[in-house]
Amino acid sequence: MNLPLIVSRDRRLIDHLQQLSAAAGVAVQVQGEPHRALAPWAAASLVLLGADVVSEVVQVAPTRRSGVYLVSVERIPDQTCREVATMGVDGVAELPRSDRWLMELLDDAGEFRDRGVSIGVVAGSGGAGASTFACALAVQAAAQSDAALFDLDPFGPGLEMISGFDQLDGLHWEGLGEATGRLSARVLRESLPRKGRLGLLGWSAPRRGLVPFVVREAMSAAVRGHDVTVLDLPRTGDPIVEEVAARCTHLVVVVRTDIASIAAAGRQLDRLLPSGPVSVLVRGSAVDLASVGRVLDVPVIGAMPDQRGLTEAIDLGLGPIHSRRSVLAKAAKATLRHFGVQSVHGRAA
């Protein structure tokens, strides 16, 4: 783990930051000489740059990176803010007023990992089984990695029921409410209903619309705190859904192979392609996958035949994958391999 880096000679500031880091349970490294901070600068999970050394740091020109915050125990002069703007900072904290916010940053940094993979799943047409596949994909990812599953469709079947989470307590979208502050990755992970290494963020009744800021913060916290985040996206063209799709590392469209469904999938792809890389998973058996790929002009991951006993397994609360050799398990594994998703142990999923 690469420790957060404090760059400052201000003893009051250093002591204050070390107290906050101790309260967050996070070790930090301190460097008072800007030229010596260049070595750990790029690898540090977080950089807390003291206002007292801004001019010197600008002169040594460290590598531009995210996760740099300007901090001070006094009011920061406008000139200092203008100086640091040339190198890019993600935020400014005047202490002690910003103590709580800074502790959340340190809390996340204590669990630092490379940003996780986020996979959006959407149906090309009605009845394609995208929600069930999203559940299966998250369950399969959680077999080897920390995974999160997001239900972003307030009018969908409910992923809690499909995945067998409906009897578990934990955080739902409604619990996040109208939150306006930064959401800690650790807080999100520990608050979600969980089975093993899988956490699910879904709905409780009554369901309401999604709040854009809340969705952004939840997704950001999920990818910071999990190796794989799977998002079940509705087919609607809601702006927040399009924004989430654009933030996903990968997008999967589940496509049925009748003519009407292919036509509907084509329209869905036209909407999603500007968001980034899109692949298709074909629902059905005895399908010419190459032909589907040519018609839709996108990569095809593979086929997902109907799975026997799926309805009964879901009704019994067993979830979509009841065997490693099941149809859904194989389709999920193929999808994770297609995207090169590795487990936290470095093994292919």
Protein backbone atom coordinates (compact mmCIF):
# COMPACT_ATOMS: atom_id res chain seq x y z
CA MET A 1 0.00 0.00 0.00
CA ASN A 2 1.34 3.48 -0.87
CA LEU A 3 0.89 5.74 2.15
CA PRO A 4 -0.63 9.22 1.99
CA LEU A 5 2.06 11.90 1.65
CA ILE A 6 2.19 15.13 3.66
CA VAL A 7 4.45 17.79 2.12
CA SER A 8 5.00 20.62 4.61
CA ARG A 9 7.38 22.17 7.16
CA ASP A 10 4.57 23.76 9.19
CA ARG A 11 4.75 21.90 12.52
CA ARG A 12 1.22 22.87 13.52
CA LEU A 13 -0.17 21.58 10.22
CA ILE A 14 1.84 18.36 10.36
CA ASP A 15 0.75 17.65 13.93
CA HIS A 16 -2.89 18.33 13.05
CA LEU A 17 -2.78 16.07 9.99
CA GLN A 18 -1.07 13.29 11.92
CA GLN A 19 -3.79 13.48 14.58
CA LEU A 20 -6.46 13.17 11.88
CA SER A 21 -4.67 10.26 10.24
CA ALA A 22 -4.31 8.50 13.59
CA ALA A 23 -8.04 8.94 14.22
CA ALA A 24 -8.71 7.44 10.78
CA GLY A 25 -6.33 4.56 11.52
CA VAL A 26 -4.06 5.47 8.60
CA ALA A 27 -0.25 5.75 8.61
CA VAL A 28 1.22 8.67 6.67
CA GLN A 29 4.63 9.74 5.37
CA VAL A 30 5.91 13.29 5.88
CA GLN A 31 8.38 15.16 3.71
CA GLY A 32 9.44 18.71 4.43
CA GLU A 33 11.73 19.18 1.44
CA PRO A 34 9.78 19.53 -1.83
CA HIS A 35 12.57 18.12 -4.02
CA ARG A 36 12.66 14.98 -1.84
CA ALA A 37 8.89 14.63 -2.15
CA LEU A 38 9.24 13.94 -5.88
CA ALA A 39 10.07 10.25 -5.36
CA PRO A 40 6.92 9.29 -3.37
CA TRP A 41 4.69 11.91 -5.07
CA ALA A 42 3.28 9.81 -7.92
CA ALA A 43 2.79 6.59 -5.95
CA ALA A 44 1.20 8.07 -2.81
CA SER A 45 -2.47 7.22 -2.36
CA LEU A 46 -3.11 10.85 -1.42
CA VAL A 47 -1.00 14.04 -1.33
CA LEU A 48 -1.68 16.70 1.31
CA LEU A 49 0.24 19.77 0.20
CA GLY A 50 0.91 22.40 2.85
CA ALA A 51 0.28 25.99 1.82
CA ASP A 52 3.66 26.89 3.32
CA VAL A 53 5.64 25.05 0.59
CA VAL A 54 3.46 25.67 -2.47
CA SER A 55 5.93 28.02 -4.20
CA GLU A 56 8.79 25.54 -3.80
CA VAL A 57 6.71 22.59 -4.99
CA VAL A 58 5.60 24.50 -8.09
CA GLN A 59 9.26 25.19 -8.89
CA VAL A 60 10.30 21.52 -8.73
CA ALA A 61 7.31 20.66 -11.01
CA PRO A 62 6.15 17.24 -9.77
CA THR A 63 4.20 14.93 -12.08
CA ARG A 64 0.62 16.09 -12.54
CA ARG A 65 -1.73 13.64 -10.81
CA SER A 66 -5.12 13.38 -9.14
CA GLY A 67 -5.60 13.20 -5.38
CA VAL A 68 -3.64 16.34 -4.45
CA TYR A 69 -5.21 18.62 -1.81
CA LEU A 70 -4.01 22.00 -0.58
CA VAL A 71 -4.16 22.19 3.25
CA SER A 72 -3.47 24.83 5.91
CA VAL A 73 -4.32 25.65 9.54
CA GLU A 74 -4.80 29.28 8.52
CA ARG A 75 -6.75 31.04 5.80
CA ILE A 76 -5.08 30.28 2.46
CA PRO A 77 -4.16 33.44 0.53
CA ASP A 78 -5.65 33.87 -2.95
CA GLN A 79 -2.13 34.10 -4.40
CA THR A 80 -1.31 30.63 -3.04
CA CYS A 81 -4.45 29.21 -4.63
CA ARG A 82 -3.49 30.76 -7.96
CA GLU A 83 0.01 29.30 -7.72
CA VAL A 84 -1.16 25.77 -6.99
CA ALA A 85 -3.81 25.96 -9.74
CA THR A 86 -1.01 25.63 -12.31
CA MET A 87 -0.24 22.09 -11.11
CA GLY A 88 -3.82 21.00 -10.46
CA VAL A 89 -5.43 20.22 -7.10
CA ASP A 90 -8.62 18.35 -6.32
CA GLY A 91 -9.61 20.44 -3.30
CA VAL A 92 -8.66 22.95 -0.62
CA ALA A 93 -8.94 22.33 3.14
CA GLU A 94 -8.61 24.97 5.84
CA LEU A 95 -8.31 23.24 9.20
CA PRO A 96 -9.97 22.58 11.60
CA ARG A 97 -13.07 23.54 9.62
CA SER A 98 -12.45 20.77 7.08
CA ASP A 99 -11.41 18.08 9.58
CA ARG A 100 -14.33 15.73 8.96
CA TRP A 101 -14.02 15.92 5.18
CA LEU A 102 -10.26 15.35 5.36
CA MET A 103 -10.71 12.35 7.65
CA GLU A 104 -12.97 10.79 5.02
CA LEU A 105 -10.22 11.28 2.44
CA LEU A 106 -7.69 9.66 4.75
CA ASP A 107 -10.12 6.85 5.52
CA ASP A 108 -10.39 6.04 1.83
CA ALA A 109 -6.63 6.36 1.38
CA GLY A 110 -6.12 3.75 4.10
CA GLU A 111 -7.94 1.28 1.86
CA PHE A 112 -6.18 2.49 -1.28
CA ARG A 113 -6.27 0.28 -4.32
CA ASP A 114 -6.25 0.89 -8.04
CA ARG A 115 -9.68 1.99 -9.22
CA GLY A 116 -11.91 -1.03 -9.63
CA VAL A 117 -13.54 -2.12 -12.86
CA SER A 118 -17.13 -0.98 -13.40
CA ILE A 119 -19.39 -2.94 -15.76
CA GLY A 120 -22.77 -1.58 -16.83
CA VAL A 121 -25.37 -4.13 -17.96
CA VAL A 122 -28.45 -3.11 -19.96
CA ALA A 123 -31.13 -4.98 -21.92
CA GLY A 124 -31.24 -4.53 -25.67
CA SER A 125 -34.99 -5.17 -25.51
CA GLY A 126 -37.63 -6.21 -23.01
CA GLY A 127 -37.29 -9.69 -21.54
CA ALA A 128 -33.62 -10.09 -22.38
CA GLY A 129 -32.68 -11.09 -18.84
CA ALA A 130 -30.19 -8.28 -18.24
CA SER A 131 -31.00 -7.90 -14.54
CA THR A 132 -30.55 -11.61 -13.91
CA PHE A 133 -27.27 -11.57 -15.81
CA ALA A 134 -26.06 -8.51 -13.86
CA CYS A 135 -26.68 -10.46 -10.64
CA ALA A 136 -24.86 -13.51 -11.99
CA LEU A 137 -21.93 -11.37 -13.12
CA ALA A 138 -21.59 -9.77 -9.67
CA VAL A 139 -21.89 -13.13 -7.89
CA GLN A 140 -19.20 -14.62 -10.12
CA ALA A 141 -16.90 -11.63 -9.61
CA ALA A 142 -17.39 -11.91 -5.83
CA ALA A 143 -16.18 -15.52 -5.91
CA GLN A 144 -12.63 -14.15 -6.11
CA SER A 145 -12.80 -10.37 -5.59
CA ASP A 146 -14.56 -7.68 -3.59
CA ALA A 147 -17.63 -6.81 -5.67
CA ALA A 148 -20.59 -4.45 -5.55
CA LEU A 149 -23.91 -4.67 -7.39
CA PHE A 150 -26.01 -1.55 -8.07
CA ASP A 151 -29.71 -1.64 -8.93
CA LEU A 152 -30.30 1.57 -10.89
CA ASP A 153 -33.78 0.69 -12.15
CA PRO A 154 -36.56 1.84 -9.78
CA PHE A 155 -39.10 0.08 -12.01
CA GLY A 156 -37.18 -3.16 -12.39
CA PRO A 157 -37.79 -6.54 -10.72
CA GLY A 158 -35.50 -5.75 -7.77
CA LEU A 159 -32.03 -7.24 -7.60
CA GLU A 160 -32.45 -8.09 -3.91
CA MET A 161 -35.04 -10.69 -4.83
CA ILE A 162 -33.12 -12.09 -7.81
CA SER A 163 -29.86 -12.39 -5.86
CA GLY A 164 -31.40 -13.63 -2.60
CA PHE A 165 -30.58 -10.47 -0.62
CA ASP A 166 -34.17 -9.53 0.18
CA GLN A 167 -33.98 -10.74 3.80
CA LEU A 168 -30.74 -8.90 4.59
CA ASP A 169 -30.48 -5.55 6.37
CA GLY A 170 -28.33 -2.71 5.12
CA LEU A 171 -28.16 0.51 3.16
CA HIS A 172 -30.57 1.23 0.27
CA TRP A 173 -30.81 4.12 -2.18
CA GLU A 174 -33.45 5.71 0.02
CA GLY A 175 -31.02 5.65 2.94
CA LEU A 176 -28.58 7.79 1.00
CA GLY A 177 -31.39 10.33 0.60
CA GLU A 178 -30.34 13.82 -0.42
CA ALA A 179 -26.74 13.44 0.74
CA THR A 180 -24.47 16.28 -0.35
CA GLY A 181 -21.11 15.27 1.17
CA ARG A 182 -18.38 12.94 0.01
CA LEU A 183 -19.20 9.26 0.52
CA SER A 184 -16.43 7.15 2.01
CA ALA A 185 -15.61 3.91 0.21
CA ARG A 186 -15.23 2.10 3.53
CA VAL A 187 -18.53 3.44 4.88
CA LEU A 188 -20.37 2.35 1.73
CA ARG A 189 -18.82 -1.10 1.72
CA GLU A 190 -19.56 -1.71 5.40
CA SER A 191 -23.14 -0.39 5.13
CA LEU A 192 -24.37 -2.48 2.20
CA PRO A 193 -26.26 -5.76 2.63
CA ARG A 194 -23.60 -8.41 2.03
CA LYS A 195 -23.13 -12.06 1.23
CA GLY A 196 -19.48 -12.97 1.40
CA ARG A 197 -17.55 -10.51 -0.75
CA LEU A 198 -20.61 -9.13 -2.56
CA GLY A 199 -22.50 -6.02 -1.46
CA LEU A 200 -25.73 -4.82 -3.05
CA LEU A 201 -27.16 -1.30 -3.27
CA GLY A 202 -30.83 -1.61 -4.13
CA TRP A 203 -34.23 -0.27 -3.16
CA SER A 204 -36.70 -0.41 -0.31
CA ALA A 205 -40.37 0.49 -0.78
CA PRO A 206 -41.56 2.94 -1.88
CA ARG A 207 -39.09 3.46 -4.72
CA ARG A 208 -38.26 6.99 -5.83
CA GLY A 209 -36.19 8.54 -8.58
CA LEU A 210 -32.42 8.69 -8.44
CA VAL A 211 -30.64 11.84 -7.23
CA PRO A 212 -27.73 12.54 -9.64
CA PHE A 213 -25.22 13.67 -6.99
CA VAL A 214 -25.99 10.65 -4.81
CA VAL A 215 -25.53 8.25 -7.72
CA ARG A 216 -22.18 9.85 -8.65
CA GLU A 217 -20.88 9.64 -5.08
CA ALA A 218 -22.10 6.06 -4.59
CA MET A 219 -20.50 4.90 -7.84
CA SER A 220 -17.24 6.70 -7.05
CA ALA A 221 -17.13 5.14 -3.57
CA ALA A 222 -17.94 1.69 -4.97
CA VAL A 223 -15.11 1.69 -7.53
CA ARG A 224 -12.67 2.95 -4.88
CA GLY A 225 -13.69 0.24 -2.44
CA HIS A 226 -14.32 -2.80 -4.68
CA ASP A 227 -12.42 -4.63 -7.38
CA VAL A 228 -15.54 -5.02 -9.54
CA THR A 229 -18.74 -2.96 -9.55
CA VAL A 230 -21.66 -4.21 -11.65
CA LEU A 231 -24.47 -1.76 -12.46
CA ASP A 232 -27.88 -2.90 -13.68
CA LEU A 233 -28.99 -0.04 -15.95
CA PRO A 234 -32.57 0.60 -17.08
CA ARG A 235 -33.34 0.86 -20.79
CA THR A 236 -34.71 4.39 -20.38
CA GLY A 237 -32.82 7.39 -21.69
CA ASP A 238 -32.67 9.20 -18.34
CA PRO A 239 -29.71 11.66 -18.28
CA ILE A 240 -28.33 10.22 -15.04
CA VAL A 241 -28.35 6.72 -16.57
CA GLU A 242 -26.45 8.01 -19.60
CA GLU A 243 -23.95 9.68 -17.28
CA VAL A 244 -23.45 6.45 -15.33
CA ALA A 245 -22.97 4.54 -18.58
CA ALA A 246 -20.28 7.02 -19.60
CA ARG A 247 -18.50 6.46 -16.28
CA CYS A 248 -18.46 2.65 -16.67
CA THR A 249 -15.26 0.92 -17.70
CA HIS A 250 -17.27 -1.50 -19.86
CA LEU A 251 -20.86 -1.80 -21.08
CA VAL A 252 -22.69 -5.05 -21.88
CA VAL A 253 -25.95 -5.16 -23.84
CA VAL A 254 -27.92 -8.41 -23.47
CA VAL A 255 -29.59 -9.13 -26.80
CA ARG A 256 -32.33 -11.54 -27.83
CA THR A 257 -32.05 -12.82 -31.39
CA ASP A 258 -35.53 -12.37 -32.88
CA ILE A 259 -35.84 -9.63 -35.51
CA ALA A 260 -37.78 -7.20 -33.30
CA SER A 261 -35.29 -7.57 -30.45
CA ILE A 262 -32.30 -7.07 -32.74
CA ALA A 263 -33.90 -3.88 -34.05
CA ALA A 264 -34.49 -2.63 -30.51
CA ALA A 265 -30.91 -3.55 -29.53
CA GLY A 266 -29.61 -1.55 -32.48
CA ARG A 267 -31.37 1.55 -31.18
CA GLN A 268 -30.02 0.90 -27.69
CA LEU A 269 -26.50 0.59 -29.05
CA ASP A 270 -26.84 3.87 -30.97
CA ARG A 271 -27.59 5.52 -27.63
CA LEU A 272 -24.79 3.80 -25.71
CA LEU A 273 -21.90 3.84 -28.18
CA PRO A 274 -20.95 7.48 -27.42
CA SER A 275 -20.49 6.43 -23.76
CA GLY A 276 -17.56 4.14 -24.51
CA PRO A 277 -16.73 0.50 -25.36
CA VAL A 278 -19.85 -1.66 -25.73
CA SER A 279 -20.05 -5.45 -26.10
CA VAL A 280 -23.00 -7.76 -26.69
CA LEU A 281 -24.02 -10.93 -24.87
CA VAL A 282 -26.49 -12.98 -26.90
CA ARG A 283 -29.46 -14.54 -25.11
CA GLY A 284 -30.27 -17.91 -26.66
CA SER A 285 -28.69 -21.07 -28.02
CA ALA A 286 -27.80 -22.32 -31.50
CA VAL A 287 -27.01 -18.75 -32.50
CA ASP A 288 -24.58 -17.60 -35.20
CA LEU A 289 -22.64 -15.14 -33.03
CA ALA A 290 -20.61 -13.82 -35.96
CA SER A 291 -23.79 -12.84 -37.77
CA VAL A 292 -25.10 -11.00 -34.71
CA GLY A 293 -21.81 -9.15 -34.44
CA ARG A 294 -21.93 -8.12 -38.09
CA VAL A 295 -25.51 -6.90 -37.87
CA LEU A 296 -24.94 -4.87 -34.70
CA ASP A 297 -21.32 -3.96 -35.53
CA VAL A 298 -20.03 -4.50 -31.97
CA PRO A 299 -17.95 -7.25 -30.31
CA VAL A 300 -19.90 -10.31 -29.16
CA ILE A 301 -18.83 -11.87 -25.86
CA GLY A 302 -20.74 -15.11 -26.30
CA ALA A 303 -24.13 -16.74 -25.89
CA MET A 304 -26.27 -17.26 -22.79
CA PRO A 305 -28.78 -20.09 -23.30
CA ASP A 306 -31.80 -20.37 -21.02
CA GLN A 307 -30.96 -21.95 -17.66
CA ARG A 308 -33.12 -24.76 -16.35
CA GLY A 309 -34.51 -24.31 -12.85
CA LEU A 310 -33.59 -20.60 -12.72
CA THR A 311 -37.06 -19.42 -11.65
CA GLU A 312 -37.25 -22.01 -8.90
CA ALA A 313 -33.76 -21.15 -7.64
CA ILE A 314 -34.63 -17.44 -7.44
CA ASP A 315 -37.95 -18.19 -5.72
CA LEU A 316 -36.06 -20.21 -3.10
CA GLY A 317 -33.65 -17.31 -2.49
CA LEU A 318 -30.67 -19.21 -3.91
CA GLY A 319 -29.73 -16.55 -6.45
CA PRO A 320 -28.97 -16.93 -10.16
CA ILE A 321 -25.87 -19.12 -9.81
CA HIS A 322 -26.38 -22.43 -8.02
CA SER A 323 -23.56 -24.29 -9.77
CA ARG A 324 -20.15 -23.32 -11.16
CA ARG A 325 -21.12 -25.17 -14.33
CA SER A 326 -24.47 -23.44 -14.79
CA VAL A 327 -25.28 -21.47 -17.92
CA LEU A 328 -25.17 -18.15 -16.10
CA ALA A 329 -21.91 -18.97 -14.34
CA LYS A 330 -20.25 -19.79 -17.67
CA ALA A 331 -21.60 -16.61 -19.30
CA ALA A 332 -20.40 -14.50 -16.37
CA LYS A 333 -16.95 -16.09 -16.45
CA ALA A 334 -16.71 -15.51 -20.20
CA THR A 335 -17.65 -11.85 -19.73
CA LEU A 336 -15.07 -11.26 -17.00
CA ARG A 337 -12.40 -12.96 -19.14
CA HIS A 338 -13.47 -10.86 -22.14
CA PHE A 339 -12.76 -7.71 -20.14
CA GLY A 340 -9.54 -9.06 -18.65
CA VAL A 341 -10.87 -8.74 -15.12
CA GLN A 342 -8.45 -10.17 -12.58
CA SER A 343 -9.16 -11.14 -9.01
CA VAL A 344 -7.37 -9.47 -6.12
CA HIS A 345 -5.03 -12.45 -6.13
CA GLY A 346 -4.11 -11.82 -9.76
CA ARG A 347 -5.94 -14.88 -11.09
CA ALA A 348 -8.17 -14.69 -14.10
CA ALA A 349 -11.84 -14.74 -13.12
